[in-house]
PDB file of N, CA and C in Angstrom:
ATOM      1  N   MET A   1     -74.054  21.430  12.880  1.00  0.00           N
ATOM      2  CA  MET A   1     -75.416  21.916  13.049  1.00  0.00           C
ATOM      3  C   MET A   1     -76.381  21.192  12.118  1.00  0.00           C
ATOM      4  N   LYS A   2     -75.877  20.746  10.984  1.00  0.00           N
ATOM      5  CA  LYS A   2     -76.739  20.046  10.034  1.00  0.00           C
ATOM      6  C   LYS A   2     -77.362  18.811  10.675  1.00  0.00           C
ATOM      7  N   ASP A   3     -76.572  18.041  11.427  1.00  0.00           N
ATOM      8  CA  ASP A   3     -77.074  16.839  12.082  1.00  0.00           C
ATOM      9  C   ASP A   3     -78.114  17.188  13.150  1.00  0.00           C
ATOM     10  N   VAL A   4     -77.885  18.273  13.868  1.00  0.00           N
ATOM     11  CA  VAL A   4     -78.835  18.695  14.898  1.00  0.00           C
ATOM     12  C   VAL A   4     -80.173  19.055  14.266  1.00  0.00           C
ATOM     13  N   ALA A   5     -80.139  19.778  13.157  1.00  0.00           N
ATOM     14  CA  ALA A   5     -81.374  20.159  12.470  1.00  0.00           C
ATOM     15  C   ALA A   5     -82.127  18.919  11.982  1.00  0.00           C
ATOM     16  N   GLU A   6     -81.402  17.938  11.454  1.00  0.00           N
ATOM     17  CA  GLU A   6     -82.054  16.712  10.995  1.00  0.00           C
ATOM     18  C   GLU A   6     -82.659  15.944  12.163  1.00  0.00           C
ATOM     19  N   ARG A   7     -81.987  15.910  13.291  1.00  0.00           N
ATOM     20  CA  ARG A   7     -82.536  15.229  14.467  1.00  0.00           C
ATOM     21  C   ARG A   7     -83.817  15.915  14.933  1.00  0.00           C
ATOM     22  N   LEU A   8     -83.857  17.238  14.871  1.00  0.00           N
ATOM     23  CA  LEU A   8     -85.078  17.957  15.253  1.00  0.00           C
ATOM     24  C   LEU A   8     -86.216  17.682  14.266  1.00  0.00           C
ATOM     25  N   ARG A   9     -85.895  17.624  12.973  1.00  0.00           N
ATOM     26  CA  ARG A   9     -86.922  17.268  11.988  1.00  0.00           C
ATOM     27  C   ARG A   9     -87.406  15.843  12.221  1.00  0.00           C
ATOM     28  N   ASN A  10     -86.490  14.941  12.555  1.00  0.00           N
ATOM     29  CA  ASN A  10     -86.861  13.549  12.834  1.00  0.00           C
ATOM     30  C   ASN A  10     -87.789  13.470  14.045  1.00  0.00           C
ATOM     31  N   LEU A  11     -87.483  14.228  15.082  1.00  0.00           N
ATOM     32  CA  LEU A  11     -88.358  14.289  16.253  1.00  0.00           C
ATOM     33  C   LEU A  11     -89.731  14.813  15.857  1.00  0.00           C
ATOM     34  N   SER A  12     -89.759  15.836  15.016  1.00  0.00           N
ATOM     35  CA  SER A  12     -91.042  16.386  14.556  1.00  0.00           C
ATOM     36  C   SER A  12     -91.844  15.351  13.778  1.00  0.00           C
ATOM     37  N   ARG A  13     -91.169  14.513  12.991  1.00  0.00           N
ATOM     38  CA  ARG A  13     -91.869  13.441  12.273  1.00  0.00           C
ATOM     39  C   ARG A  13     -92.388  12.397  13.259  1.00  0.00           C
ATOM     40  N   ALA A  14     -91.588  12.087  14.285  1.00  0.00           N
ATOM     41  CA  ALA A  14     -91.964  11.051  15.258  1.00  0.00           C
ATOM     42  C   ALA A  14     -93.205  11.447  16.051  1.00  0.00           C
ATOM     43  N   ILE A  15     -93.386  12.731  16.325  1.00  0.00           N
ATOM     44  CA  ILE A  15     -94.555  13.153  17.109  1.00  0.00           C
ATOM     45  C   ILE A  15     -95.682  13.687  16.232  1.00  0.00           C
ATOM     46  N   GLY A  16     -95.528  13.556  14.895  1.00  0.00           N
ATOM     47  CA  GLY A  16     -96.617  13.872  13.986  1.00  0.00           C
ATOM     48  C   GLY A  16     -96.703  15.307  13.503  1.00  0.00           C
ATOM     49  N   LEU A  17     -95.715  16.127  13.796  1.00  0.00           N
ATOM     50  CA  LEU A  17     -95.743  17.510  13.306  1.00  0.00           C
ATOM     51  C   LEU A  17     -95.355  17.600  11.841  1.00  0.00           C
ATOM     52  N   LEU A  18     -94.475  16.697  11.406  1.00  0.00           N
ATOM     53  CA  LEU A  18     -94.069  16.621  10.004  1.00  0.00           C
ATOM     54  C   LEU A  18     -94.403  15.233   9.481  1.00  0.00           C
ATOM     55  N   SER A  19     -94.635  15.148   8.185  1.00  0.00           N
ATOM     56  CA  SER A  19     -94.875  13.839   7.581  1.00  0.00           C
ATOM     57  C   SER A  19     -93.553  13.253   7.115  1.00  0.00           C
ATOM     58  N   GLY A  20     -93.548  11.962   6.895  1.00  0.00           N
ATOM     59  CA  GLY A  20     -92.363  11.282   6.397  1.00  0.00           C
ATOM     60  C   GLY A  20     -91.890  10.209   7.351  1.00  0.00           C
ATOM     61  N   PRO A  21     -90.906   9.416   6.874  1.00  0.00           N
ATOM     62  CA  PRO A  21     -90.405   8.308   7.691  1.00  0.00           C
ATOM     63  C   PRO A  21     -89.546   8.805   8.855  1.00  0.00           C
ATOM     64  N   VAL A  22     -89.648   8.081   9.970  1.00  0.00           N
ATOM     65  CA  VAL A  22     -88.845   8.383  11.156  1.00  0.00           C
ATOM     66  C   VAL A  22     -87.594   7.515  11.119  1.00  0.00           C
ATOM     67  N   THR A  23     -86.442   8.129  11.300  1.00  0.00           N
ATOM     68  CA  THR A  23     -85.168   7.419  11.307  1.00  0.00           C
ATOM     69  C   THR A  23     -84.870   6.916  12.711  1.00  0.00           C
ATOM     70  N   SER A  24     -84.465   5.647  12.821  1.00  0.00           N
ATOM     71  CA  SER A  24     -84.066   5.093  14.117  1.00  0.00           C
ATOM     72  C   SER A  24     -82.570   5.322  14.296  1.00  0.00           C
ATOM     73  N   TYR A  25     -82.180   5.895  15.423  1.00  0.00           N
ATOM     74  CA  TYR A  25     -80.771   6.139  15.721  1.00  0.00           C
ATOM     75  C   TYR A  25     -80.240   5.159  16.762  1.00  0.00           C
ATOM     76  N   GLY A  26     -80.939   4.065  16.961  1.00  0.00           N
ATOM     77  CA  GLY A  26     -80.475   3.051  17.903  1.00  0.00           C
ATOM     78  C   GLY A  26     -80.968   3.311  19.313  1.00  0.00           C
ATOM     79  N   LYS A  27     -80.383   2.588  20.237  1.00  0.00           N
ATOM     80  CA  LYS A  27     -80.794   2.687  21.635  1.00  0.00           C
ATOM     81  C   LYS A  27     -80.380   4.032  22.226  1.00  0.00           C
ATOM     82  N   LEU A  28     -81.171   4.486  23.173  1.00  0.00           N
ATOM     83  CA  LEU A  28     -80.931   5.741  23.864  1.00  0.00           C
ATOM     84  C   LEU A  28     -80.122   5.477  25.132  1.00  0.00           C
ATOM     85  N   THR A  29     -79.077   6.255  25.343  1.00  0.00           N
ATOM     86  CA  THR A  29     -78.275   6.136  26.563  1.00  0.00           C
ATOM     87  C   THR A  29     -78.803   7.122  27.593  1.00  0.00           C
ATOM     88  N   THR A  30     -79.066   6.613  28.799  1.00  0.00           N
ATOM     89  CA  THR A  30     -79.507   7.469  29.898  1.00  0.00           C
ATOM     90  C   THR A  30     -78.471   7.398  31.015  1.00  0.00           C
ATOM     91  N   PHE A  31     -78.516   8.389  31.907  1.00  0.00           N
ATOM     92  CA  PHE A  31     -77.550   8.486  32.992  1.00  0.00           C
ATOM     93  C   PHE A  31     -78.276   8.669  34.313  1.00  0.00           C
ATOM     94  N   SER A  32     -77.679   8.171  35.397  1.00  0.00           N
ATOM     95  CA  SER A  32     -78.286   8.325  36.713  1.00  0.00           C
ATOM     96  C   SER A  32     -78.080   9.740  37.243  1.00  0.00           C
ATOM     97  N   ASN A  33     -76.991  10.378  36.811  1.00  0.00           N
ATOM     98  CA  ASN A  33     -76.663  11.717  37.259  1.00  0.00           C
ATOM     99  C   ASN A  33     -75.507  12.234  36.412  1.00  0.00           C
ATOM    100  N   PHE A  34     -75.016  13.411  36.740  1.00  0.00           N
ATOM    101  CA  PHE A  34     -73.925  14.024  35.989  1.00  0.00           C
ATOM    102  C   PHE A  34     -72.900  14.593  36.953  1.00  0.00           C
ATOM    103  N   HIS A  35     -71.666  14.658  36.504  1.00  0.00           N
ATOM    104  CA  HIS A  35     -70.604  15.265  37.307  1.00  0.00           C
ATOM    105  C   HIS A  35     -69.911  16.332  36.466  1.00  0.00           C
ATOM    106  N   TRP A  36     -69.917  17.554  36.960  1.00  0.00           N
ATOM    107  CA  TRP A  36     -69.215  18.658  36.314  1.00  0.00           C
ATOM    108  C   TRP A  36     -67.958  18.912  37.131  1.00  0.00           C
ATOM    109  N   ALA A  37     -66.800  18.672  36.574  1.00  0.00           N
ATOM    110  CA  ALA A  37     -65.540  18.903  37.283  1.00  0.00           C
ATOM    111  C   ALA A  37     -64.908  20.187  36.767  1.00  0.00           C
ATOM    112  N   THR A  38     -64.429  21.010  37.688  1.00  0.00           N
ATOM    113  CA  THR A  38     -63.782  22.254  37.296  1.00  0.00           C
ATOM    114  C   THR A  38     -62.268  22.069  37.242  1.00  0.00           C
ATOM    115  N   SER A  39     -61.639  22.970  36.525  1.00  0.00           N
ATOM    116  CA  SER A  39     -60.200  22.911  36.336  1.00  0.00           C
ATOM    117  C   SER A  39     -59.466  23.271  37.626  1.00  0.00           C
ATOM    118  N   PRO A  40     -58.615  22.369  38.119  1.00  0.00           N
ATOM    119  CA  PRO A  40     -57.879  22.674  39.338  1.00  0.00           C
ATOM    120  C   PRO A  40     -56.713  23.639  39.101  1.00  0.00           C
ATOM    121  N   TYR A  41     -56.348  23.827  37.834  1.00  0.00           N
ATOM    122  CA  TYR A  41     -55.230  24.692  37.467  1.00  0.00           C
ATOM    123  C   TYR A  41     -55.656  25.588  36.309  1.00  0.00           C
ATOM    124  N   GLY A  42     -54.915  26.638  36.107  1.00  0.00           N
ATOM    125  CA  GLY A  42     -55.084  27.448  34.913  1.00  0.00           C
ATOM    126  C   GLY A  42     -53.869  27.233  34.027  1.00  0.00           C
ATOM    127  N   GLY A  43     -54.026  27.451  32.744  1.00  0.00           N
ATOM    128  CA  GLY A  43     -52.883  27.324  31.850  1.00  0.00           C
ATOM    129  C   GLY A  43     -53.250  26.733  30.511  1.00  0.00           C
ATOM    130  N   ILE A  44     -52.262  26.154  29.879  1.00  0.00           N
ATOM    131  CA  ILE A  44     -52.440  25.528  28.563  1.00  0.00           C
ATOM    132  C   ILE A  44     -52.842  24.075  28.805  1.00  0.00           C
ATOM    133  N   PHE A  45     -53.958  23.688  28.223  1.00  0.00           N
ATOM    134  CA  PHE A  45     -54.527  22.365  28.474  1.00  0.00           C
ATOM    135  C   PHE A  45     -54.731  21.625  27.159  1.00  0.00           C
ATOM    136  N   ARG A  46     -54.327  20.355  27.136  1.00  0.00           N
ATOM    137  CA  ARG A  46     -54.582  19.488  25.987  1.00  0.00           C
ATOM    138  C   ARG A  46     -55.353  18.269  26.461  1.00  0.00           C
ATOM    139  N   PRO A  47     -56.603  18.103  25.961  1.00  0.00           N
ATOM    140  CA  PRO A  47     -57.387  16.934  26.380  1.00  0.00           C
ATOM    141  C   PRO A  47     -56.825  15.648  25.796  1.00  0.00           C
ATOM    142  N   LYS A  48     -56.986  14.556  26.541  1.00  0.00           N
ATOM    143  CA  LYS A  48     -56.592  13.224  26.072  1.00  0.00           C
ATOM    144  C   LYS A  48     -57.811  12.359  25.773  1.00  0.00           C
ATOM    145  N   VAL A  49     -59.006  12.885  26.057  1.00  0.00           N
ATOM    146  CA  VAL A  49     -60.253  12.175  25.786  1.00  0.00           C
ATOM    147  C   VAL A  49     -61.124  13.073  24.917  1.00  0.00           C
ATOM    148  N   LYS A  50     -62.153  12.461  24.332  1.00  0.00           N
ATOM    149  CA  LYS A  50     -63.097  13.243  23.529  1.00  0.00           C
ATOM    150  C   LYS A  50     -64.519  12.848  23.926  1.00  0.00           C
ATOM    151  N   CYS A  51     -65.466  13.625  23.486  1.00  0.00           N
ATOM    152  CA  CYS A  51     -66.873  13.352  23.785  1.00  0.00           C
ATOM    153  C   CYS A  51     -67.246  11.959  23.289  1.00  0.00           C
ATOM    154  N   GLY A  52     -67.966  11.240  24.129  1.00  0.00           N
ATOM    155  CA  GLY A  52     -68.390   9.885  23.792  1.00  0.00           C
ATOM    156  C   GLY A  52     -67.488   8.808  24.356  1.00  0.00           C
ATOM    157  N   ASP A  53     -66.283   9.182  24.816  1.00  0.00           N
ATOM    158  CA  ASP A  53     -65.367   8.185  25.388  1.00  0.00           C
ATOM    159  C   ASP A  53     -65.881   7.704  26.744  1.00  0.00           C
ATOM    160  N   ARG A  54     -65.738   6.400  26.976  1.00  0.00           N
ATOM    161  CA  ARG A  54     -66.005   5.851  28.314  1.00  0.00           C
ATOM    162  C   ARG A  54     -64.717   6.000  29.117  1.00  0.00           C
ATOM    163  N   ILE A  55     -64.858   6.498  30.348  1.00  0.00           N
ATOM    164  CA  ILE A  55     -63.698   6.671  31.203  1.00  0.00           C
ATOM    165  C   ILE A  55     -63.972   6.067  32.573  1.00  0.00           C
ATOM    166  N   ALA A  56     -62.885   5.699  33.247  1.00  0.00           N
ATOM    167  CA  ALA A  56     -62.975   5.188  34.612  1.00  0.00           C
ATOM    168  C   ALA A  56     -62.352   6.217  35.552  1.00  0.00           C
ATOM    169  N   GLU A  57     -62.831   6.256  36.762  1.00  0.00           N
ATOM    170  CA  GLU A  57     -62.268   7.164  37.747  1.00  0.00           C
ATOM    171  C   GLU A  57     -60.760   6.958  37.815  1.00  0.00           C
ATOM    172  N   GLY A  58     -60.017   8.043  37.711  1.00  0.00           N
ATOM    173  CA  GLY A  58     -58.554   7.976  37.759  1.00  0.00           C
ATOM    174  C   GLY A  58     -57.891   7.982  36.399  1.00  0.00           C
ATOM    175  N   ASP A  59     -58.646   7.780  35.317  1.00  0.00           N
ATOM    176  CA  ASP A  59     -58.064   7.841  33.974  1.00  0.00           C
ATOM    177  C   ASP A  59     -57.574   9.258  33.668  1.00  0.00           C
ATOM    178  N   ALA A  60     -56.517   9.357  32.894  1.00  0.00           N
ATOM    179  CA  ALA A  60     -56.010  10.666  32.463  1.00  0.00           C
ATOM    180  C   ALA A  60     -57.009  11.284  31.486  1.00  0.00           C
ATOM    181  N   VAL A  61     -57.394  12.540  31.746  1.00  0.00           N
ATOM    182  CA  VAL A  61     -58.310  13.229  30.825  1.00  0.00           C
ATOM    183  C   VAL A  61     -57.619  14.350  30.070  1.00  0.00           C
ATOM    184  N   GLY A  62     -56.467  14.769  30.548  1.00  0.00           N
ATOM    185  CA  GLY A  62     -55.743  15.825  29.848  1.00  0.00           C
ATOM    186  C   GLY A  62     -54.512  16.239  30.615  1.00  0.00           C
ATOM    187  N   THR A  63     -53.697  17.062  29.964  1.00  0.00           N
ATOM    188  CA  THR A  63     -52.438  17.495  30.546  1.00  0.00           C
ATOM    189  C   THR A  63     -52.324  19.009  30.478  1.00  0.00           C
ATOM    190  N   TYR A  64     -51.790  19.596  31.527  1.00  0.00           N
ATOM    191  CA  TYR A  64     -51.488  21.025  31.570  1.00  0.00           C
ATOM    192  C   TYR A  64     -50.014  21.209  31.234  1.00  0.00           C
ATOM    193  N   TYR A  65     -49.726  22.272  30.467  1.00  0.00           N
ATOM    194  CA  TYR A  65     -48.360  22.595  30.064  1.00  0.00           C
ATOM    195  C   TYR A  65     -48.030  24.015  30.492  1.00  0.00           C
ATOM    196  N   ASP A  66     -46.732  24.273  30.687  1.00  0.00           N
ATOM    197  CA  ASP A  66     -46.329  25.636  30.983  1.00  0.00           C
ATOM    198  C   ASP A  66     -46.126  26.399  29.673  1.00  0.00           C
ATOM    199  N   LEU A  67     -45.739  27.658  29.755  1.00  0.00           N
ATOM    200  CA  LEU A  67     -45.589  28.496  28.560  1.00  0.00           C
ATOM    201  C   LEU A  67     -44.480  28.036  27.633  1.00  0.00           C
ATOM    202  N   PHE A  68     -43.598  27.173  28.119  1.00  0.00           N
ATOM    203  CA  PHE A  68     -42.493  26.676  27.308  1.00  0.00           C
ATOM    204  C   PHE A  68     -42.798  25.304  26.706  1.00  0.00           C
ATOM    205  N   GLY A  69     -44.015  24.814  26.918  1.00  0.00           N
ATOM    206  CA  GLY A  69     -44.415  23.526  26.369  1.00  0.00           C
ATOM    207  C   GLY A  69     -44.015  22.339  27.212  1.00  0.00           C
ATOM    208  N   GLU A  70     -43.537  22.602  28.416  1.00  0.00           N
ATOM    209  CA  GLU A  70     -43.158  21.516  29.313  1.00  0.00           C
ATOM    210  C   GLU A  70     -44.386  21.036  30.076  1.00  0.00           C
ATOM    211  N   GLU A  71     -44.522  19.723  30.181  1.00  0.00           N
ATOM    212  CA  GLU A  71     -45.661  19.141  30.897  1.00  0.00           C
ATOM    213  C   GLU A  71     -45.604  19.520  32.370  1.00  0.00           C
ATOM    214  N   ARG A  72     -46.735  20.060  32.868  1.00  0.00           N
ATOM    215  CA  ARG A  72     -46.832  20.445  34.283  1.00  0.00           C
ATOM    216  C   ARG A  72     -47.486  19.356  35.113  1.00  0.00           C
ATOM    217  N   VAL A  73     -48.707  18.964  34.703  1.00  0.00           N
ATOM    218  CA  VAL A  73     -49.448  17.971  35.477  1.00  0.00           C
ATOM    219  C   VAL A  73     -50.516  17.338  34.588  1.00  0.00           C
ATOM    220  N   THR A  74     -50.801  16.071  34.851  1.00  0.00           N
ATOM    221  CA  THR A  74     -51.894  15.379  34.166  1.00  0.00           C
ATOM    222  C   THR A  74     -53.074  15.356  35.118  1.00  0.00           C
ATOM    223  N   THR A  75     -54.245  15.714  34.615  1.00  0.00           N
ATOM    224  CA  THR A  75     -55.447  15.687  35.446  1.00  0.00           C
ATOM    225  C   THR A  75     -56.196  14.386  35.191  1.00  0.00           C
ATOM    226  N   ARG A  76     -56.837  13.878  36.217  1.00  0.00           N
ATOM    227  CA  ARG A  76     -57.483  12.569  36.180  1.00  0.00           C
ATOM    228  C   ARG A  76     -58.990  12.688  36.325  1.00  0.00           C
ATOM    229  N   ALA A  77     -59.704  11.700  35.802  1.00  0.00           N
ATOM    230  CA  ALA A  77     -61.169  11.683  35.875  1.00  0.00           C
ATOM    231  C   ALA A  77     -61.614  11.534  37.331  1.00  0.00           C
ATOM    232  N   PRO A  78     -62.517  12.402  37.776  1.00  0.00           N
ATOM    233  CA  PRO A  78     -63.004  12.315  39.153  1.00  0.00           C
ATOM    234  C   PRO A  78     -64.090  11.250  39.337  1.00  0.00           C
ATOM    235  N   ALA A  79     -64.598  10.709  38.222  1.00  0.00           N
ATOM    236  CA  ALA A  79     -65.680   9.717  38.288  1.00  0.00           C
ATOM    237  C   ALA A  79     -65.674   8.883  37.015  1.00  0.00           C
ATOM    238  N   SER A  80     -66.325   7.744  37.060  1.00  0.00           N
ATOM    239  CA  SER A  80     -66.463   6.870  35.887  1.00  0.00           C
ATOM    240  C   SER A  80     -67.742   7.218  35.138  1.00  0.00           C
ATOM    241  N   GLY A  81     -67.723   7.043  33.821  1.00  0.00           N
ATOM    242  CA  GLY A  81     -68.914   7.296  33.015  1.00  0.00           C
ATOM    243  C   GLY A  81     -68.545   7.564  31.577  1.00  0.00           C
ATOM    244  N   ILE A  82     -69.345   8.394  30.935  1.00  0.00           N
ATOM    245  CA  ILE A  82     -69.125   8.771  29.536  1.00  0.00           C
ATOM    246  C   ILE A  82     -68.875  10.268  29.465  1.00  0.00           C
ATOM    247  N   VAL A  83     -67.840  10.654  28.722  1.00  0.00           N
ATOM    248  CA  VAL A  83     -67.519  12.069  28.549  1.00  0.00           C
ATOM    249  C   VAL A  83     -68.595  12.703  27.672  1.00  0.00           C
ATOM    250  N   LEU A  84     -69.287  13.693  28.223  1.00  0.00           N
ATOM    251  CA  LEU A  84     -70.330  14.401  27.481  1.00  0.00           C
ATOM    252  C   LEU A  84     -69.816  15.726  26.928  1.00  0.00           C
ATOM    253  N   ALA A  85     -68.860  16.332  27.619  1.00  0.00           N
ATOM    254  CA  ALA A  85     -68.248  17.578  27.163  1.00  0.00           C
ATOM    255  C   ALA A  85     -66.903  17.712  27.854  1.00  0.00           C
ATOM    256  N   ILE A  86     -65.960  18.332  27.149  1.00  0.00           N
ATOM    257  CA  ILE A  86     -64.649  18.595  27.731  1.00  0.00           C
ATOM    258  C   ILE A  86     -64.152  19.915  27.184  1.00  0.00           C
ATOM    259  N   HIS A  87     -63.482  20.664  28.024  1.00  0.00           N
ATOM    260  CA  HIS A  87     -62.937  21.951  27.596  1.00  0.00           C
ATOM    261  C   HIS A  87     -61.953  21.688  26.463  1.00  0.00           C
ATOM    262  N   PRO A  88     -62.104  22.368  25.344  1.00  0.00           N
ATOM    263  CA  PRO A  88     -61.264  22.072  24.186  1.00  0.00           C
ATOM    264  C   PRO A  88     -59.847  22.621  24.293  1.00  0.00           C
ATOM    265  N   GLY A  89     -59.604  23.513  25.277  1.00  0.00           N
ATOM    266  CA  GLY A  89     -58.286  24.118  25.362  1.00  0.00           C
ATOM    267  C   GLY A  89     -58.097  25.083  24.195  1.00  0.00           C
ATOM    268  N   PRO A  90     -56.981  25.603  23.946  1.00  0.00           N
ATOM    269  CA  PRO A  90     -55.769  25.284  24.688  1.00  0.00           C
ATOM    270  C   PRO A  90     -55.627  26.047  25.997  1.00  0.00           C
ATOM    271  N   ILE A  91     -56.288  27.186  26.143  1.00  0.00           N
ATOM    272  CA  ILE A  91     -56.115  27.960  27.378  1.00  0.00           C
ATOM    273  C   ILE A  91     -57.366  27.828  28.235  1.00  0.00           C
ATOM    274  N   ILE A  92     -57.163  27.492  29.509  1.00  0.00           N
ATOM    275  CA  ILE A  92     -58.278  27.329  30.439  1.00  0.00           C
ATOM    276  C   ILE A  92     -57.943  28.032  31.749  1.00  0.00           C
ATOM    277  N   PRO A  93     -58.844  28.872  32.218  1.00  0.00           N
ATOM    278  CA  PRO A  93     -58.617  29.489  33.523  1.00  0.00           C
ATOM    279  C   PRO A  93     -58.954  28.515  34.654  1.00  0.00           C
ATOM    280  N   GLN A  94     -58.287  28.677  35.778  1.00  0.00           N
ATOM    281  CA  GLN A  94     -58.589  27.856  36.943  1.00  0.00           C
ATOM    282  C   GLN A  94     -60.052  28.076  37.336  1.00  0.00           C
ATOM    283  N   GLY A  95     -60.759  26.984  37.598  1.00  0.00           N
ATOM    284  CA  GLY A  95     -62.149  27.063  38.027  1.00  0.00           C
ATOM    285  C   GLY A  95     -63.171  26.915  36.912  1.00  0.00           C
ATOM    286  N   ASP A  96     -62.746  27.007  35.644  1.00  0.00           N
ATOM    287  CA  ASP A  96     -63.672  26.776  34.538  1.00  0.00           C
ATOM    288  C   ASP A  96     -64.052  25.297  34.488  1.00  0.00           C
ATOM    289  N   VAL A  97     -65.194  25.002  33.868  1.00  0.00           N
ATOM    290  CA  VAL A  97     -65.601  23.600  33.726  1.00  0.00           C
ATOM    291  C   VAL A  97     -64.601  22.895  32.821  1.00  0.00           C
ATOM    292  N   LEU A  98     -64.038  21.823  33.325  1.00  0.00           N
ATOM    293  CA  LEU A  98     -63.045  21.054  32.595  1.00  0.00           C
ATOM    294  C   LEU A  98     -63.686  19.878  31.864  1.00  0.00           C
ATOM    295  N   ILE A  99     -64.532  19.126  32.576  1.00  0.00           N
ATOM    296  CA  ILE A  99     -65.121  17.927  31.978  1.00  0.00           C
ATOM    297  C   ILE A  99     -66.524  17.694  32.557  1.00  0.00           C
ATOM    298  N   HIS A 100     -67.404  17.205  31.709  1.00  0.00           N
ATOM    299  CA  HIS A 100     -68.775  16.861  32.094  1.00  0.00           C
ATOM    300  C   HIS A 100     -68.922  15.372  31.838  1.00  0.00           C
ATOM    301  N   ILE A 101     -69.250  14.626  32.888  1.00  0.00           N
ATOM    302  CA  ILE A 101     -69.325  13.166  32.792  1.00  0.00           C
ATOM    303  C   ILE A 101     -70.743  12.699  33.098  1.00  0.00           C
ATOM    304  N   GLY A 102     -71.286  11.854  32.215  1.00  0.00           N
ATOM    305  CA  GLY A 102     -72.569  11.197  32.474  1.00  0.00           C
ATOM    306  C   GLY A 102     -72.295   9.945  33.298  1.00  0.00           C
ATOM    307  N   LEU A 103     -72.918   9.847  34.464  1.00  0.00           N
ATOM    308  CA  LEU A 103     -72.661   8.764  35.403  1.00  0.00           C
ATOM    309  C   LEU A 103     -73.605   7.578  35.190  1.00  0.00           C
ATOM    310  N   ASN A 104     -73.105   6.387  35.405  1.00  0.00           N
ATOM    311  CA  ASN A 104     -73.870   5.139  35.312  1.00  0.00           C
ATOM    312  C   ASN A 104     -74.683   5.038  34.023  1.00  0.00           C
ATOM    313  N   PRO A 105     -74.020   5.073  32.874  1.00  0.00           N
ATOM    314  CA  PRO A 105     -74.755   5.013  31.615  1.00  0.00           C
ATOM    315  C   PRO A 105     -75.439   3.661  31.416  1.00  0.00           C
ATOM    316  N   THR A 106     -76.691   3.707  30.944  1.00  0.00           N
ATOM    317  CA  THR A 106     -77.427   2.503  30.580  1.00  0.00           C
ATOM    318  C   THR A 106     -78.136   2.768  29.261  1.00  0.00           C
ATOM    319  N   GLN A 107     -78.339   1.714  28.486  1.00  0.00           N
ATOM    320  CA  GLN A 107     -79.044   1.858  27.220  1.00  0.00           C
ATOM    321  C   GLN A 107     -80.423   1.254  27.317  1.00  0.00           C
ATOM    322  N   ALA A 108     -81.395   2.002  26.796  1.00  0.00           N
ATOM    323  CA  ALA A 108     -82.779   1.530  26.818  1.00  0.00           C
ATOM    324  C   ALA A 108     -83.318   1.420  25.417  1.00  0.00           C
TER     325      ALA A 108
END
């Protein structure tokens, strides 16, 4: 939360609400659209990707396990882009949002 608060103060400085120097955080990444994929299964889930990772359609994003720790199935990315959010696990009900992908990322 500390970083979020500083980013908001930086925005306030950039638009003149606060005085002081504005920090540059580099180029801004924009997306053409977003894809929210829901969990096809319920159970114990361990992600294999994290926020900020670039993924291609078909890449493994995580694995479901049974109650005994045996691997059940690996779930794959439904689209290419950048991972913006992923269910942290370990328990996920079927139909919950599993992964949020930013599509066609470009930097401006």
